[in-house]
Amino acid sequence: MDDFFTEIASALLYGAVGVALLAAGFLILDLLIPGKLGELIIEERNRSAGIITAAGMVAVGAVVTTAIASADGPLGEGLAETAGYGGVGVLMLGVAFVVVDVLTPGKLSDVCHQEGEQPVAYVIAAALLAAGAIVAAAIS
C-alpha cells in the first residue's frame, strides 16, 4: 500500500510541474504578443490569438509529456529533469516565435490586433507545433 501512495504523490508532483510549465508557456506567449492575451481571446474573441495560443499550448504539452516520460532516476532527479527539459522546451517555443517573426514581413505579434482572420496566424501556429515536436524529439 505504501507503493500506491508513493506513486500517487509522484503523479501529483509531476502533474504540478507540468501545469507550471504550461502556465510558463502561456506567459511567454503573453509577453511576446502585445496586450493581454487573455483579453484578446476571451473579451475580443480574436481568432488569430486563439489559434496561436492553442498551438502553443499543444506544443508545450508535447514537450512536457515527453519530458515526464523520459525522466529517469529517483523522484527528485526525475522532477528536476522534467522541469529542466520542459523549461528549455518552453523557451525554445518562444525562440521559434521570434525566429518566424524575423523571417516574415511585418510583426507577427501585431497579427493578434488586426481585425478578421489572419492567414499568418496559421504559420505561427505551425511553427510553434513544429518547434514543440522538435524539442520533444530532442529530449526523448
N, C-alpha and C. Protein backbone atom coordinates (compact mmCIF):
# COMPACT_ATOMS: atom_id res chain seq x y z
N MET A 1 0.82 -1.20 0.00
CA MET A 1 0.00 0.00 0.00
C MET A 1 0.87 1.26 0.00
N ASP A 2 2.06 1.17 0.61
CA ASP A 2 2.96 2.33 0.61
C ASP A 2 3.36 2.71 -0.81
N ASP A 3 3.57 1.71 -1.68
CA ASP A 3 3.92 1.99 -3.07
C ASP A 3 2.81 2.76 -3.76
N PHE A 4 1.56 2.41 -3.48
CA PHE A 4 0.42 3.08 -4.07
C PHE A 4 0.43 4.58 -3.73
N PHE A 5 0.62 4.90 -2.45
CA PHE A 5 0.63 6.31 -2.04
C PHE A 5 1.85 7.05 -2.57
N THR A 6 2.97 6.35 -2.68
CA THR A 6 4.17 6.96 -3.26
C THR A 6 3.94 7.29 -4.73
N GLU A 7 3.30 6.37 -5.45
CA GLU A 7 3.01 6.61 -6.87
C GLU A 7 2.01 7.75 -7.06
N ILE A 8 1.02 7.83 -6.19
CA ILE A 8 0.04 8.92 -6.26
C ILE A 8 0.74 10.26 -6.01
N ALA A 9 1.60 10.29 -5.01
CA ALA A 9 2.35 11.52 -4.71
C ALA A 9 3.24 11.90 -5.88
N SER A 10 3.89 10.92 -6.49
CA SER A 10 4.74 11.18 -7.66
C SER A 10 3.91 11.77 -8.81
N ALA A 11 2.75 11.16 -9.05
CA ALA A 11 1.88 11.65 -10.13
C ALA A 11 1.46 13.10 -9.88
N LEU A 12 1.12 13.40 -8.64
CA LEU A 12 0.73 14.78 -8.30
C LEU A 12 1.88 15.75 -8.51
N LEU A 13 3.08 15.36 -8.12
CA LEU A 13 4.24 16.24 -8.28
C LEU A 13 4.59 16.46 -9.75
N TYR A 14 4.59 15.37 -10.53
CA TYR A 14 4.85 15.53 -11.96
C TYR A 14 3.75 16.37 -12.61
N GLY A 15 2.51 16.15 -12.20
CA GLY A 15 1.41 16.96 -12.72
C GLY A 15 1.57 18.43 -12.39
N ALA A 16 2.00 18.72 -11.17
CA ALA A 16 2.22 20.11 -10.76
C ALA A 16 3.32 20.77 -11.59
N VAL A 17 4.40 20.04 -11.84
CA VAL A 17 5.48 20.58 -12.68
C VAL A 17 4.95 20.82 -14.09
N GLY A 18 4.17 19.88 -14.61
CA GLY A 18 3.60 20.03 -15.95
C GLY A 18 2.68 21.23 -16.07
N VAL A 19 1.82 21.43 -15.09
CA VAL A 19 0.91 22.58 -15.11
C VAL A 19 1.69 23.89 -14.99
N ALA A 20 2.72 23.90 -14.16
CA ALA A 20 3.56 25.10 -14.03
C ALA A 20 4.23 25.43 -15.36
N LEU A 21 4.71 24.41 -16.07
CA LEU A 21 5.34 24.64 -17.38
C LEU A 21 4.32 25.11 -18.40
N LEU A 22 3.11 24.58 -18.35
CA LEU A 22 2.05 25.04 -19.25
C LEU A 22 1.75 26.52 -19.00
N ALA A 23 1.68 26.90 -17.73
CA ALA A 23 1.45 28.30 -17.38
C ALA A 23 2.61 29.16 -17.87
N ALA A 24 3.84 28.67 -17.74
CA ALA A 24 5.01 29.42 -18.22
C ALA A 24 4.93 29.62 -19.73
N GLY A 25 4.48 28.60 -20.45
CA GLY A 25 4.32 28.73 -21.89
C GLY A 25 3.30 29.80 -22.25
N PHE A 26 2.20 29.83 -21.53
CA PHE A 26 1.19 30.86 -21.77
C PHE A 26 1.76 32.25 -21.47
N LEU A 27 2.51 32.37 -20.37
CA LEU A 27 3.09 33.66 -20.00
C LEU A 27 4.10 34.15 -21.04
N ILE A 28 4.87 33.24 -21.61
CA ILE A 28 5.83 33.64 -22.64
C ILE A 28 5.09 34.15 -23.87
N LEU A 29 4.05 33.45 -24.29
CA LEU A 29 3.25 33.95 -25.41
C LEU A 29 2.65 35.30 -25.08
N ASP A 30 2.18 35.46 -23.86
CA ASP A 30 1.58 36.72 -23.44
C ASP A 30 2.61 37.85 -23.50
N LEU A 31 3.87 37.54 -23.18
CA LEU A 31 4.93 38.55 -23.25
C LEU A 31 5.28 38.90 -24.70
N LEU A 32 5.22 37.91 -25.59
CA LEU A 32 5.61 38.14 -26.98
C LEU A 32 4.53 38.84 -27.80
N ILE A 33 3.29 38.73 -27.36
CA ILE A 33 2.19 39.36 -28.08
C ILE A 33 1.76 40.59 -27.30
N PRO A 34 1.84 41.77 -27.92
CA PRO A 34 1.47 43.00 -27.20
C PRO A 34 0.02 42.95 -26.71
N GLY A 35 -0.21 43.50 -25.55
CA GLY A 35 -1.54 43.49 -24.96
C GLY A 35 -1.70 42.28 -24.06
N LYS A 36 -2.90 42.09 -23.59
CA LYS A 36 -3.21 40.95 -22.72
C LYS A 36 -3.80 39.83 -23.55
N LEU A 37 -3.11 38.70 -23.59
CA LEU A 37 -3.55 37.58 -24.41
C LEU A 37 -4.92 37.07 -23.98
N GLY A 38 -5.15 36.99 -22.68
CA GLY A 38 -6.45 36.54 -22.18
C GLY A 38 -7.58 37.43 -22.66
N GLU A 39 -7.36 38.74 -22.63
CA GLU A 39 -8.39 39.68 -23.09
C GLU A 39 -8.64 39.53 -24.59
N LEU A 40 -7.55 39.34 -25.36
CA LEU A 40 -7.70 39.18 -26.80
C LEU A 40 -8.57 37.96 -27.13
N ILE A 41 -8.35 36.89 -26.39
CA ILE A 41 -9.06 35.65 -26.68
C ILE A 41 -10.48 35.68 -26.12
N ILE A 42 -10.63 36.07 -24.88
CA ILE A 42 -11.93 35.94 -24.21
C ILE A 42 -12.84 37.13 -24.49
N GLU A 43 -12.32 38.35 -24.31
CA GLU A 43 -13.17 39.52 -24.45
C GLU A 43 -13.32 39.96 -25.90
N GLU A 44 -12.21 39.99 -26.65
CA GLU A 44 -12.27 40.45 -28.03
C GLU A 44 -12.58 39.33 -29.02
N ARG A 45 -12.54 38.08 -28.53
CA ARG A 45 -12.82 36.90 -29.35
C ARG A 45 -11.97 36.88 -30.61
N ASN A 46 -10.69 37.17 -30.44
CA ASN A 46 -9.77 37.25 -31.57
C ASN A 46 -9.35 35.84 -31.97
N ARG A 47 -9.76 35.44 -33.15
CA ARG A 47 -9.49 34.08 -33.64
C ARG A 47 -8.00 33.83 -33.82
N SER A 48 -7.26 34.79 -34.36
CA SER A 48 -5.83 34.60 -34.57
C SER A 48 -5.11 34.37 -33.25
N ALA A 49 -5.44 35.14 -32.25
CA ALA A 49 -4.83 34.94 -30.93
C ALA A 49 -5.17 33.57 -30.38
N GLY A 50 -6.40 33.12 -30.60
CA GLY A 50 -6.81 31.79 -30.15
C GLY A 50 -6.06 30.68 -30.85
N ILE A 51 -5.88 30.82 -32.15
CA ILE A 51 -5.15 29.80 -32.94
C ILE A 51 -3.70 29.70 -32.46
N ILE A 52 -3.06 30.86 -32.31
CA ILE A 52 -1.65 30.88 -31.89
C ILE A 52 -1.51 30.31 -30.47
N THR A 53 -2.38 30.71 -29.59
CA THR A 53 -2.31 30.24 -28.20
C THR A 53 -2.59 28.74 -28.11
N ALA A 54 -3.58 28.27 -28.85
CA ALA A 54 -3.90 26.84 -28.83
C ALA A 54 -2.70 26.02 -29.32
N ALA A 55 -2.08 26.45 -30.39
CA ALA A 55 -0.91 25.73 -30.90
C ALA A 55 0.22 25.75 -29.88
N GLY A 56 0.42 26.89 -29.24
CA GLY A 56 1.46 26.99 -28.22
C GLY A 56 1.21 26.06 -27.06
N MET A 57 -0.04 25.94 -26.63
CA MET A 57 -0.35 25.06 -25.51
C MET A 57 -0.18 23.58 -25.88
N VAL A 58 -0.55 23.22 -27.11
CA VAL A 58 -0.35 21.85 -27.57
C VAL A 58 1.15 21.54 -27.65
N ALA A 59 1.93 22.49 -28.16
CA ALA A 59 3.38 22.30 -28.26
C ALA A 59 4.01 22.14 -26.88
N VAL A 60 3.61 22.97 -25.94
CA VAL A 60 4.13 22.84 -24.57
C VAL A 60 3.72 21.48 -23.99
N GLY A 61 2.48 21.09 -24.23
CA GLY A 61 2.02 19.79 -23.75
C GLY A 61 2.85 18.64 -24.29
N ALA A 62 3.21 18.70 -25.57
CA ALA A 62 4.04 17.65 -26.18
C ALA A 62 5.42 17.61 -25.54
N VAL A 63 6.00 18.78 -25.32
CA VAL A 63 7.33 18.85 -24.70
C VAL A 63 7.28 18.33 -23.27
N VAL A 64 6.30 18.76 -22.50
CA VAL A 64 6.21 18.35 -21.10
C VAL A 64 5.91 16.86 -20.99
N THR A 65 5.02 16.36 -21.84
CA THR A 65 4.71 14.93 -21.82
C THR A 65 5.97 14.11 -22.09
N THR A 66 6.75 14.52 -23.08
CA THR A 66 7.99 13.80 -23.38
C THR A 66 8.99 13.93 -22.25
N ALA A 67 9.07 15.11 -21.64
CA ALA A 67 9.99 15.30 -20.52
C ALA A 67 9.62 14.39 -19.35
N ILE A 68 8.34 14.26 -19.07
CA ILE A 68 7.90 13.38 -17.98
C ILE A 68 8.19 11.92 -18.33
N ALA A 69 7.84 11.53 -19.54
CA ALA A 69 8.04 10.13 -19.96
C ALA A 69 9.51 9.75 -20.00
N SER A 70 10.38 10.71 -20.25
CA SER A 70 11.82 10.44 -20.36
C SER A 70 12.55 10.57 -19.04
N ALA A 71 11.89 11.03 -18.01
CA ALA A 71 12.54 11.26 -16.71
C ALA A 71 13.03 9.93 -16.13
N ASP A 72 14.27 9.94 -15.65
CA ASP A 72 14.89 8.75 -15.07
C ASP A 72 15.25 8.99 -13.62
N GLY A 73 15.56 7.91 -12.96
CA GLY A 73 16.10 8.00 -11.61
C GLY A 73 15.05 8.20 -10.54
N PRO A 74 15.52 8.52 -9.35
CA PRO A 74 14.60 8.75 -8.23
C PRO A 74 13.71 9.97 -8.49
N LEU A 75 12.69 10.11 -7.67
CA LEU A 75 11.68 11.15 -7.85
C LEU A 75 12.28 12.54 -8.00
N GLY A 76 13.15 12.94 -7.10
CA GLY A 76 13.73 14.28 -7.16
C GLY A 76 14.48 14.53 -8.45
N GLU A 77 15.25 13.54 -8.88
CA GLU A 77 16.00 13.66 -10.13
C GLU A 77 15.06 13.74 -11.33
N GLY A 78 14.03 12.91 -11.31
CA GLY A 78 13.06 12.91 -12.41
C GLY A 78 12.31 14.23 -12.50
N LEU A 79 11.93 14.78 -11.36
CA LEU A 79 11.25 16.09 -11.37
C LEU A 79 12.18 17.18 -11.88
N ALA A 80 13.46 17.13 -11.49
CA ALA A 80 14.42 18.12 -11.96
C ALA A 80 14.62 18.01 -13.47
N GLU A 81 14.71 16.78 -13.97
CA GLU A 81 14.85 16.59 -15.42
C GLU A 81 13.61 17.12 -16.15
N THR A 82 12.46 16.82 -15.63
CA THR A 82 11.22 17.29 -16.25
C THR A 82 11.17 18.81 -16.28
N ALA A 83 11.49 19.43 -15.16
CA ALA A 83 11.48 20.90 -15.10
C ALA A 83 12.53 21.49 -16.03
N GLY A 84 13.72 20.89 -16.04
CA GLY A 84 14.80 21.41 -16.89
C GLY A 84 14.49 21.28 -18.36
N TYR A 85 14.17 20.07 -18.80
CA TYR A 85 13.86 19.86 -20.21
C TYR A 85 12.58 20.59 -20.62
N GLY A 86 11.60 20.59 -19.75
CA GLY A 86 10.37 21.30 -20.05
C GLY A 86 10.60 22.80 -20.14
N GLY A 87 11.41 23.34 -19.24
CA GLY A 87 11.74 24.77 -19.28
C GLY A 87 12.48 25.15 -20.55
N VAL A 88 13.43 24.31 -20.96
CA VAL A 88 14.15 24.55 -22.22
C VAL A 88 13.16 24.53 -23.38
N GLY A 89 12.24 23.57 -23.34
CA GLY A 89 11.24 23.48 -24.41
C GLY A 89 10.37 24.72 -24.51
N VAL A 90 9.94 25.22 -23.38
CA VAL A 90 9.11 26.42 -23.35
C VAL A 90 9.90 27.61 -23.91
N LEU A 91 11.15 27.73 -23.52
CA LEU A 91 11.98 28.82 -24.05
C LEU A 91 12.19 28.68 -25.56
N MET A 92 12.38 27.44 -26.03
CA MET A 92 12.57 27.22 -27.47
C MET A 92 11.32 27.59 -28.26
N LEU A 93 10.15 27.40 -27.68
CA LEU A 93 8.93 27.82 -28.36
C LEU A 93 8.89 29.33 -28.51
N GLY A 94 9.34 30.04 -27.48
CA GLY A 94 9.45 31.49 -27.58
C GLY A 94 10.44 31.90 -28.66
N VAL A 95 11.56 31.20 -28.72
CA VAL A 95 12.57 31.47 -29.75
C VAL A 95 11.99 31.21 -31.14
N ALA A 96 11.24 30.13 -31.30
CA ALA A 96 10.62 29.81 -32.59
C ALA A 96 9.68 30.93 -33.03
N PHE A 97 8.92 31.47 -32.10
CA PHE A 97 8.01 32.58 -32.40
C PHE A 97 8.82 33.78 -32.92
N VAL A 98 9.90 34.10 -32.23
CA VAL A 98 10.74 35.25 -32.61
C VAL A 98 11.40 35.00 -33.97
N VAL A 99 11.89 33.78 -34.21
CA VAL A 99 12.55 33.46 -35.48
C VAL A 99 11.57 33.62 -36.64
N VAL A 100 10.36 33.09 -36.49
CA VAL A 100 9.36 33.24 -37.55
C VAL A 100 9.04 34.71 -37.73
N ASP A 101 9.01 35.46 -36.67
CA ASP A 101 8.75 36.90 -36.74
C ASP A 101 9.83 37.60 -37.55
N VAL A 102 11.07 37.22 -37.35
CA VAL A 102 12.19 37.84 -38.08
C VAL A 102 12.16 37.46 -39.55
N LEU A 103 11.78 36.23 -39.86
CA LEU A 103 11.83 35.73 -41.23
C LEU A 103 10.64 36.15 -42.09
N THR A 104 9.59 36.67 -41.49
CA THR A 104 8.41 37.06 -42.26
C THR A 104 8.24 38.57 -42.21
N PRO A 105 7.63 39.13 -43.26
CA PRO A 105 7.42 40.58 -43.27
C PRO A 105 6.43 41.02 -42.19
N GLY A 106 6.62 42.22 -41.70
CA GLY A 106 5.72 42.76 -40.68
C GLY A 106 6.02 42.17 -39.31
N LYS A 107 5.17 42.49 -38.35
CA LYS A 107 5.31 41.98 -36.98
C LYS A 107 4.22 40.96 -36.72
N LEU A 108 4.63 39.72 -36.47
CA LEU A 108 3.65 38.68 -36.21
C LEU A 108 2.84 38.95 -34.96
N SER A 109 3.47 39.59 -33.99
CA SER A 109 2.75 39.89 -32.76
C SER A 109 1.58 40.83 -33.01
N ASP A 110 1.66 41.63 -34.06
CA ASP A 110 0.57 42.54 -34.38
C ASP A 110 -0.63 41.83 -35.01
N VAL A 111 -0.41 40.59 -35.48
CA VAL A 111 -1.49 39.82 -36.09
C VAL A 111 -2.67 39.71 -35.15
N CYS A 112 -2.39 39.59 -33.89
CA CYS A 112 -3.45 39.40 -32.90
C CYS A 112 -4.25 40.66 -32.64
N HIS A 113 -3.85 41.76 -33.22
CA HIS A 113 -4.59 43.01 -33.01
C HIS A 113 -5.29 43.48 -34.28
N GLN A 114 -5.20 42.70 -35.35
CA GLN A 114 -5.86 43.07 -36.60
C GLN A 114 -7.24 42.44 -36.66
N GLU A 115 -8.12 43.12 -37.34
CA GLU A 115 -9.49 42.62 -37.50
C GLU A 115 -9.51 41.45 -38.46
N GLY A 116 -10.45 40.55 -38.25
CA GLY A 116 -10.65 39.43 -39.15
C GLY A 116 -9.60 38.34 -38.99
N GLU A 117 -9.81 37.27 -39.71
CA GLU A 117 -8.89 36.14 -39.65
C GLU A 117 -7.62 36.46 -40.43
N GLN A 118 -6.49 36.19 -39.83
CA GLN A 118 -5.20 36.46 -40.44
C GLN A 118 -4.53 35.14 -40.81
N PRO A 119 -4.31 34.88 -42.11
CA PRO A 119 -3.70 33.62 -42.52
C PRO A 119 -2.34 33.34 -41.86
N VAL A 120 -1.59 34.38 -41.56
CA VAL A 120 -0.28 34.17 -40.96
C VAL A 120 -0.38 33.56 -39.56
N ALA A 121 -1.55 33.66 -38.93
CA ALA A 121 -1.73 33.02 -37.63
C ALA A 121 -1.51 31.51 -37.75
N TYR A 122 -1.88 30.93 -38.89
CA TYR A 122 -1.67 29.51 -39.10
C TYR A 122 -0.18 29.19 -39.26
N VAL A 123 0.56 30.11 -39.85
CA VAL A 123 2.01 29.92 -39.99
C VAL A 123 2.67 29.95 -38.61
N ILE A 124 2.27 30.88 -37.79
CA ILE A 124 2.81 30.96 -36.43
C ILE A 124 2.44 29.69 -35.66
N ALA A 125 1.20 29.27 -35.78
CA ALA A 125 0.74 28.06 -35.09
C ALA A 125 1.55 26.85 -35.54
N ALA A 126 1.77 26.72 -36.84
CA ALA A 126 2.54 25.59 -37.36
C ALA A 126 3.98 25.64 -36.86
N ALA A 127 4.57 26.83 -36.79
CA ALA A 127 5.94 26.96 -36.29
C ALA A 127 6.02 26.53 -34.82
N LEU A 128 5.03 26.91 -34.04
CA LEU A 128 5.02 26.51 -32.63
C LEU A 128 4.86 25.00 -32.48
N LEU A 129 3.97 24.42 -33.26
CA LEU A 129 3.78 22.96 -33.22
C LEU A 129 5.03 22.23 -33.67
N ALA A 130 5.67 22.72 -34.73
CA ALA A 130 6.91 22.10 -35.22
C ALA A 130 8.01 22.20 -34.17
N ALA A 131 8.13 23.37 -33.56
CA ALA A 131 9.16 23.54 -32.52
C ALA A 131 8.88 22.61 -31.34
N GLY A 132 7.62 22.46 -30.97
CA GLY A 132 7.26 21.54 -29.90
C GLY A 132 7.64 20.11 -30.24
N ALA A 133 7.37 19.69 -31.47
CA ALA A 133 7.71 18.32 -31.90
C ALA A 133 9.22 18.12 -31.93
N ILE A 134 9.95 19.12 -32.42
CA ILE A 134 11.42 19.03 -32.48
C ILE A 134 12.01 18.93 -31.09
N VAL A 135 11.59 19.78 -30.20
CA VAL A 135 12.12 19.76 -28.83
C VAL A 135 11.72 18.46 -28.13
N ALA A 136 10.48 18.00 -28.34
CA ALA A 136 10.05 16.74 -27.73
C ALA A 136 10.92 15.59 -28.21
N ALA A 137 11.22 15.56 -29.50
CA ALA A 137 12.08 14.50 -30.04
C ALA A 137 13.50 14.62 -29.49
N ALA A 138 13.97 15.83 -29.32
CA ALA A 138 15.33 16.05 -28.83
C ALA A 138 15.51 15.55 -27.40
N ILE A 139 14.47 15.62 -26.60
CA ILE A 139 14.61 15.21 -25.19
C ILE A 139 14.19 13.77 -24.94
N SER A 140 13.68 13.09 -25.98
CA SER A 140 13.22 11.71 -25.77
C SER A 140 14.37 10.73 -25.70
